[in-house]
């Protein structure tokens, strides 16, 4: 039993997961949820703010992001 308690087998999301959410969801009717896709690496960002830098590849060119639906 002790070996089970020492071994923490909590499932975690792998780093760089395609749908990883890194900011809290805003509350109320004023919050707007956006999704954009990086055209360089294909990463889909979801958040309450506009994506200015791709967390996966570092792309900062605004012309290389499109709205994802």
PDB file of N, CA and C in Angstrom:
ATOM      1  N   UNK A   1       0.820  -1.195   0.000  1.00  0.00           N
ATOM      2  CA  UNK A   1       0.000   0.000   0.000  1.00  0.00           C
ATOM      3  C   UNK A   1       0.865   1.261   0.000  1.00  0.00           C
ATOM      4  N   UNK A   2       1.966   1.242   0.726  1.00  0.00           N
ATOM      5  CA  UNK A   2       2.831   2.415   0.794  1.00  0.00           C
ATOM      6  C   UNK A   2       3.419   2.761  -0.570  1.00  0.00           C
ATOM      7  N   UNK A   3       3.778   1.732  -1.345  1.00  0.00           N
ATOM      8  CA  UNK A   3       4.352   2.004  -2.656  1.00  0.00           C
ATOM      9  C   UNK A   3       3.333   2.663  -3.578  1.00  0.00           C
ATOM     10  N   UNK A   4       2.054   2.396  -3.400  1.00  0.00           N
ATOM     11  CA  UNK A   4       1.015   3.037  -4.193  1.00  0.00           C
ATOM     12  C   UNK A   4       0.881   4.504  -3.799  1.00  0.00           C
ATOM     13  N   UNK A   5       0.958   4.786  -2.505  1.00  0.00           N
ATOM     14  CA  UNK A   5       0.838   6.159  -2.042  1.00  0.00           C
ATOM     15  C   UNK A   5       2.037   7.008  -2.460  1.00  0.00           C
ATOM     16  N   UNK A   6       3.206   6.426  -2.536  1.00  0.00           N
ATOM     17  CA  UNK A   6       4.411   7.157  -2.923  1.00  0.00           C
ATOM     18  C   UNK A   6       4.428   7.447  -4.414  1.00  0.00           C
ATOM     19  N   UNK A   7       3.824   6.588  -5.213  1.00  0.00           N
ATOM     20  CA  UNK A   7       3.822   6.736  -6.667  1.00  0.00           C
ATOM     21  C   UNK A   7       2.623   7.577  -7.075  1.00  0.00           C
ATOM     22  N   UNK A   8       2.875   8.796  -7.481  1.00  0.00           N
ATOM     23  CA  UNK A   8       1.802   9.702  -7.873  1.00  0.00           C
ATOM     24  C   UNK A   8       1.536   9.512  -9.361  1.00  0.00           C
ATOM     25  N   UNK A   9       0.511   8.769  -9.713  1.00  0.00           N
ATOM     26  CA  UNK A   9       0.172   8.491 -11.108  1.00  0.00           C
ATOM     27  C   UNK A   9      -0.947   9.407 -11.600  1.00  0.00           C
ATOM     28  N   UNK A  10      -0.823  10.697 -11.341  1.00  0.00           N
ATOM     29  CA  UNK A  10      -1.823  11.641 -11.788  1.00  0.00           C
ATOM     30  C   UNK A  10      -1.622  11.904 -13.274  1.00  0.00           C
ATOM     31  N   UNK A  11      -2.655  11.676 -14.094  1.00  0.00           N
ATOM     32  CA  UNK A  11      -2.494  11.936 -15.528  1.00  0.00           C
ATOM     33  C   UNK A  11      -2.305  13.427 -15.781  1.00  0.00           C
ATOM     34  N   UNK A  12      -1.356  13.764 -16.616  1.00  0.00           N
ATOM     35  CA  UNK A  12      -1.105  15.155 -16.961  1.00  0.00           C
ATOM     36  C   UNK A  12      -1.140  15.315 -18.470  1.00  0.00           C
ATOM     37  N   UNK A  13      -1.398  16.520 -18.890  1.00  0.00           N
ATOM     38  CA  UNK A  13      -1.413  16.828 -20.314  1.00  0.00           C
ATOM     39  C   UNK A  13       0.032  17.052 -20.760  1.00  0.00           C
ATOM     40  N   UNK A  14       0.447  16.460 -21.871  1.00  0.00           N
ATOM     41  CA  UNK A  14       1.825  16.631 -22.309  1.00  0.00           C
ATOM     42  C   UNK A  14       2.119  18.084 -22.658  1.00  0.00           C
ATOM     43  N   UNK A  15       3.360  18.562 -22.399  1.00  0.00           N
ATOM     44  CA  UNK A  15       3.685  19.945 -22.742  1.00  0.00           C
ATOM     45  C   UNK A  15       3.563  20.165 -24.246  1.00  0.00           C
ATOM     46  N   UNK A  16       3.074  21.335 -24.614  1.00  0.00           N
ATOM     47  CA  UNK A  16       2.912  21.653 -26.022  1.00  0.00           C
ATOM     48  C   UNK A  16       1.700  20.992 -26.647  1.00  0.00           C
ATOM     49  N   UNK A  17       0.775  20.556 -25.804  1.00  0.00           N
ATOM     50  CA  UNK A  17      -0.427  19.924 -26.331  1.00  0.00           C
ATOM     51  C   UNK A  17      -1.158  20.901 -27.245  1.00  0.00           C
ATOM     52  N   UNK A  18      -1.768  20.394 -28.287  1.00  0.00           N
ATOM     53  CA  UNK A  18      -2.377  21.248 -29.301  1.00  0.00           C
ATOM     54  C   UNK A  18      -3.504  22.113 -28.744  1.00  0.00           C
ATOM     55  N   UNK A  19      -4.185  21.663 -27.699  1.00  0.00           N
ATOM     56  CA  UNK A  19      -5.312  22.411 -27.163  1.00  0.00           C
ATOM     57  C   UNK A  19      -5.095  22.797 -25.716  1.00  0.00           C
ATOM     58  N   UNK A  20      -3.908  23.151 -25.381  1.00  0.00           N
ATOM     59  CA  UNK A  20      -3.568  23.520 -24.012  1.00  0.00           C
ATOM     60  C   UNK A  20      -4.076  24.937 -23.718  1.00  0.00           C
ATOM     61  N   UNK A  21      -4.779  25.117 -22.597  1.00  0.00           N
ATOM     62  CA  UNK A  21      -5.294  26.418 -22.197  1.00  0.00           C
ATOM     63  C   UNK A  21      -4.407  26.929 -21.080  1.00  0.00           C
ATOM     64  N   UNK A  22      -3.826  28.118 -21.266  1.00  0.00           N
ATOM     65  CA  UNK A  22      -2.864  28.632 -20.301  1.00  0.00           C
ATOM     66  C   UNK A  22      -3.349  29.866 -19.560  1.00  0.00           C
ATOM     67  N   UNK A  23      -4.577  30.269 -19.731  1.00  0.00           N
ATOM     68  CA  UNK A  23      -5.084  31.423 -19.028  1.00  0.00           C
ATOM     69  C   UNK A  23      -6.492  31.130 -18.515  1.00  0.00           C
ATOM     70  N   UNK A  24      -6.894  31.769 -17.427  1.00  0.00           N
ATOM     71  CA  UNK A  24      -8.232  31.505 -16.888  1.00  0.00           C
ATOM     72  C   UNK A  24      -9.315  32.037 -17.809  1.00  0.00           C
ATOM     73  N   UNK A  25     -10.443  31.389 -17.774  1.00  0.00           N
ATOM     74  CA  UNK A  25     -11.591  31.803 -18.576  1.00  0.00           C
ATOM     75  C   UNK A  25     -12.264  32.974 -17.876  1.00  0.00           C
ATOM     76  N   UNK A  26     -12.525  34.044 -18.632  1.00  0.00           N
ATOM     77  CA  UNK A  26     -13.196  35.207 -18.070  1.00  0.00           C
ATOM     78  C   UNK A  26     -14.644  34.893 -17.744  1.00  0.00           C
ATOM     79  N   UNK A  27     -15.192  35.622 -16.804  1.00  0.00           N
ATOM     80  CA  UNK A  27     -16.574  35.393 -16.418  1.00  0.00           C
ATOM     81  C   UNK A  27     -17.432  36.557 -16.875  1.00  0.00           C
ATOM     82  N   UNK A  28     -18.684  36.322 -17.093  1.00  0.00           N
ATOM     83  CA  UNK A  28     -19.611  37.363 -17.471  1.00  0.00           C
ATOM     84  C   UNK A  28     -19.825  37.411 -18.969  1.00  0.00           C
ATOM     85  N   UNK A  29     -20.733  38.272 -19.375  1.00  0.00           N
ATOM     86  CA  UNK A  29     -21.088  38.379 -20.783  1.00  0.00           C
ATOM     87  C   UNK A  29     -20.052  39.153 -21.595  1.00  0.00           C
ATOM     88  N   UNK A  30     -19.173  39.909 -20.935  1.00  0.00           N
ATOM     89  CA  UNK A  30     -18.196  40.713 -21.648  1.00  0.00           C
ATOM     90  C   UNK A  30     -17.028  39.880 -22.187  1.00  0.00           C
ATOM     91  N   UNK A  31     -16.814  38.697 -21.640  1.00  0.00           N
ATOM     92  CA  UNK A  31     -15.670  37.896 -22.065  1.00  0.00           C
ATOM     93  C   UNK A  31     -15.929  37.285 -23.438  1.00  0.00           C
ATOM     94  N   UNK A  32     -14.912  37.311 -24.273  1.00  0.00           N
ATOM     95  CA  UNK A  32     -14.996  36.761 -25.621  1.00  0.00           C
ATOM     96  C   UNK A  32     -13.917  35.702 -25.756  1.00  0.00           C
ATOM     97  N   UNK A  33     -14.298  34.520 -26.194  1.00  0.00           N
ATOM     98  CA  UNK A  33     -13.374  33.401 -26.352  1.00  0.00           C
ATOM     99  C   UNK A  33     -12.932  33.370 -27.801  1.00  0.00           C
ATOM    100  N   UNK A  34     -11.630  33.383 -28.039  1.00  0.00           N
ATOM    101  CA  UNK A  34     -11.126  33.372 -29.404  1.00  0.00           C
ATOM    102  C   UNK A  34     -10.309  32.112 -29.666  1.00  0.00           C
ATOM    103  N   UNK A  35     -10.279  31.703 -30.918  1.00  0.00           N
ATOM    104  CA  UNK A  35      -9.457  30.578 -31.362  1.00  0.00           C
ATOM    105  C   UNK A  35      -8.718  31.024 -32.607  1.00  0.00           C
ATOM    106  N   UNK A  36      -7.417  30.832 -32.628  1.00  0.00           N
ATOM    107  CA  UNK A  36      -6.662  31.139 -33.831  1.00  0.00           C
ATOM    108  C   UNK A  36      -5.644  30.030 -34.071  1.00  0.00           C
ATOM    109  N   UNK A  37      -5.320  29.846 -35.335  1.00  0.00           N
ATOM    110  CA  UNK A  37      -4.410  28.776 -35.734  1.00  0.00           C
ATOM    111  C   UNK A  37      -3.147  29.387 -36.323  1.00  0.00           C
ATOM    112  N   UNK A  38      -2.001  28.893 -35.883  1.00  0.00           N
ATOM    113  CA  UNK A  38      -0.719  29.327 -36.420  1.00  0.00           C
ATOM    114  C   UNK A  38      -0.495  28.604 -37.750  1.00  0.00           C
ATOM    115  N   UNK A  39      -0.241  29.371 -38.800  1.00  0.00           N
ATOM    116  CA  UNK A  39      -0.029  28.777 -40.113  1.00  0.00           C
ATOM    117  C   UNK A  39       1.373  28.196 -40.269  1.00  0.00           C
ATOM    118  N   UNK A  40       2.272  28.479 -39.331  1.00  0.00           N
ATOM    119  CA  UNK A  40       3.638  27.950 -39.398  1.00  0.00           C
ATOM    120  C   UNK A  40       3.682  26.508 -38.888  1.00  0.00           C
ATOM    121  N   UNK A  41       3.082  26.270 -37.707  1.00  0.00           N
ATOM    122  CA  UNK A  41       3.186  24.933 -37.105  1.00  0.00           C
ATOM    123  C   UNK A  41       1.848  24.224 -36.929  1.00  0.00           C
ATOM    124  N   UNK A  42       0.729  24.942 -37.094  1.00  0.00           N
ATOM    125  CA  UNK A  42      -0.587  24.329 -36.964  1.00  0.00           C
ATOM    126  C   UNK A  42      -1.166  24.355 -35.560  1.00  0.00           C
ATOM    127  N   UNK A  43      -0.488  24.999 -34.613  1.00  0.00           N
ATOM    128  CA  UNK A  43      -0.972  25.085 -33.238  1.00  0.00           C
ATOM    129  C   UNK A  43      -2.284  25.862 -33.185  1.00  0.00           C
ATOM    130  N   UNK A  44      -3.267  25.366 -32.448  1.00  0.00           N
ATOM    131  CA  UNK A  44      -4.549  26.053 -32.270  1.00  0.00           C
ATOM    132  C   UNK A  44      -4.568  26.660 -30.879  1.00  0.00           C
ATOM    133  N   UNK A  45      -4.629  27.984 -30.822  1.00  0.00           N
ATOM    134  CA  UNK A  45      -4.643  28.728 -29.561  1.00  0.00           C
ATOM    135  C   UNK A  45      -6.082  29.043 -29.195  1.00  0.00           C
ATOM    136  N   UNK A  46      -6.425  28.854 -27.931  1.00  0.00           N
ATOM    137  CA  UNK A  46      -7.744  29.211 -27.409  1.00  0.00           C
ATOM    138  C   UNK A  46      -7.541  30.081 -26.189  1.00  0.00           C
ATOM    139  N   UNK A  47      -8.210  31.217 -26.147  1.00  0.00           N
ATOM    140  CA  UNK A  47      -8.067  32.074 -24.983  1.00  0.00           C
ATOM    141  C   UNK A  47      -8.964  33.288 -25.058  1.00  0.00           C
ATOM    142  N   UNK A  48      -8.939  34.063 -23.974  1.00  0.00           N
ATOM    143  CA  UNK A  48      -9.772  35.253 -23.882  1.00  0.00           C
ATOM    144  C   UNK A  48      -9.094  36.454 -24.523  1.00  0.00           C
ATOM    145  N   UNK A  49      -7.811  36.346 -24.865  1.00  0.00           N
ATOM    146  CA  UNK A  49      -7.103  37.443 -25.499  1.00  0.00           C
ATOM    147  C   UNK A  49      -6.586  37.014 -26.868  1.00  0.00           C
ATOM    148  N   UNK A  50      -6.219  37.989 -27.664  1.00  0.00           N
ATOM    149  CA  UNK A  50      -5.717  37.720 -29.014  1.00  0.00           C
ATOM    150  C   UNK A  50      -4.334  37.072 -28.943  1.00  0.00           C
ATOM    151  N   UNK A  51      -4.085  36.125 -29.817  1.00  0.00           N
ATOM    152  CA  UNK A  51      -2.796  35.447 -29.866  1.00  0.00           C
ATOM    153  C   UNK A  51      -1.798  36.328 -30.602  1.00  0.00           C
ATOM    154  N   UNK A  52      -0.737  36.731 -29.922  1.00  0.00           N
ATOM    155  CA  UNK A  52       0.279  37.578 -30.542  1.00  0.00           C
ATOM    156  C   UNK A  52       1.574  36.826 -30.786  1.00  0.00           C
ATOM    157  N   UNK A  53       1.758  35.709 -30.068  1.00  0.00           N
ATOM    158  CA  UNK A  53       2.956  34.884 -30.244  1.00  0.00           C
ATOM    159  C   UNK A  53       2.555  33.425 -30.053  1.00  0.00           C
ATOM    160  N   UNK A  54       2.940  32.587 -30.997  1.00  0.00           N
ATOM    161  CA  UNK A  54       2.613  31.163 -30.906  1.00  0.00           C
ATOM    162  C   UNK A  54       3.416  30.532 -29.784  1.00  0.00           C
ATOM    163  N   UNK A  55       2.758  29.881 -28.818  1.00  0.00           N
ATOM    164  CA  UNK A  55       3.477  29.254 -27.720  1.00  0.00           C
ATOM    165  C   UNK A  55       4.281  28.031 -28.147  1.00  0.00           C
ATOM    166  N   UNK A  56       3.982  27.476 -29.307  1.00  0.00           N
ATOM    167  CA  UNK A  56       4.680  26.272 -29.744  1.00  0.00           C
ATOM    168  C   UNK A  56       5.935  26.590 -30.555  1.00  0.00           C
ATOM    169  N   UNK A  57       5.821  27.464 -31.571  1.00  0.00           N
ATOM    170  CA  UNK A  57       6.975  27.712 -32.453  1.00  0.00           C
ATOM    171  C   UNK A  57       7.557  29.115 -32.315  1.00  0.00           C
ATOM    172  N   UNK A  58       6.866  30.018 -31.612  1.00  0.00           N
ATOM    173  CA  UNK A  58       7.388  31.365 -31.417  1.00  0.00           C
ATOM    174  C   UNK A  58       7.044  32.347 -32.527  1.00  0.00           C
ATOM    175  N   UNK A  59       6.206  31.961 -33.478  1.00  0.00           N
ATOM    176  CA  UNK A  59       5.802  32.847 -34.569  1.00  0.00           C
ATOM    177  C   UNK A  59       5.145  34.101 -34.011  1.00  0.00           C
ATOM    178  N   UNK A  60       5.617  35.276 -34.457  1.00  0.00           N
ATOM    179  CA  UNK A  60       5.030  36.544 -34.025  1.00  0.00           C
ATOM    180  C   UNK A  60       4.446  37.340 -35.188  1.00  0.00           C
ATOM    181  N   UNK A  61       4.441  36.790 -36.385  1.00  0.00           N
ATOM    182  CA  UNK A  61       3.916  37.472 -37.567  1.00  0.00           C
ATOM    183  C   UNK A  61       2.391  37.387 -37.571  1.00  0.00           C
ATOM    184  N   UNK A  62       1.679  38.527 -37.413  1.00  0.00           N
ATOM    185  CA  UNK A  62       0.212  38.485 -37.354  1.00  0.00           C
ATOM    186  C   UNK A  62      -0.430  37.987 -38.651  1.00  0.00           C
ATOM    187  N   UNK A  63       0.283  38.065 -39.765  1.00  0.00           N
ATOM    188  CA  UNK A  63      -0.262  37.582 -41.033  1.00  0.00           C
ATOM    189  C   UNK A  63      -0.266  36.057 -41.115  1.00  0.00           C
ATOM    190  N   UNK A  64       0.413  35.404 -40.193  1.00  0.00           N
ATOM    191  CA  UNK A  64       0.484  33.944 -40.215  1.00  0.00           C
ATOM    192  C   UNK A  64      -0.396  33.297 -39.139  1.00  0.00           C
ATOM    193  N   UNK A  65      -1.443  34.031 -38.735  1.00  0.00           N
ATOM    194  CA  UNK A  65      -2.480  33.501 -37.844  1.00  0.00           C
ATOM    195  C   UNK A  65      -3.827  33.651 -38.538  1.00  0.00           C
ATOM    196  N   UNK A  66      -4.674  32.628 -38.443  1.00  0.00           N
ATOM    197  CA  UNK A  66      -6.031  32.697 -38.976  1.00  0.00           C
ATOM    198  C   UNK A  66      -7.012  32.288 -37.885  1.00  0.00           C
ATOM    199  N   UNK A  67      -8.244  32.767 -38.011  1.00  0.00           N
ATOM    200  CA  UNK A  67      -9.289  32.360 -37.061  1.00  0.00           C
ATOM    201  C   UNK A  67      -9.593  30.892 -37.257  1.00  0.00           C
ATOM    202  N   UNK A  68      -9.631  30.147 -36.179  1.00  0.00           N
ATOM    203  CA  UNK A  68      -9.970  28.716 -36.221  1.00  0.00           C
ATOM    204  C   UNK A  68     -11.400  28.553 -35.758  1.00  0.00           C
ATOM    205  N   UNK A  69     -12.127  27.699 -36.425  1.00  0.00           N
ATOM    206  CA  UNK A  69     -13.521  27.476 -36.049  1.00  0.00           C
ATOM    207  C   UNK A  69     -13.761  26.077 -35.614  1.00  0.00           C
TER     208      UNK A  69
END
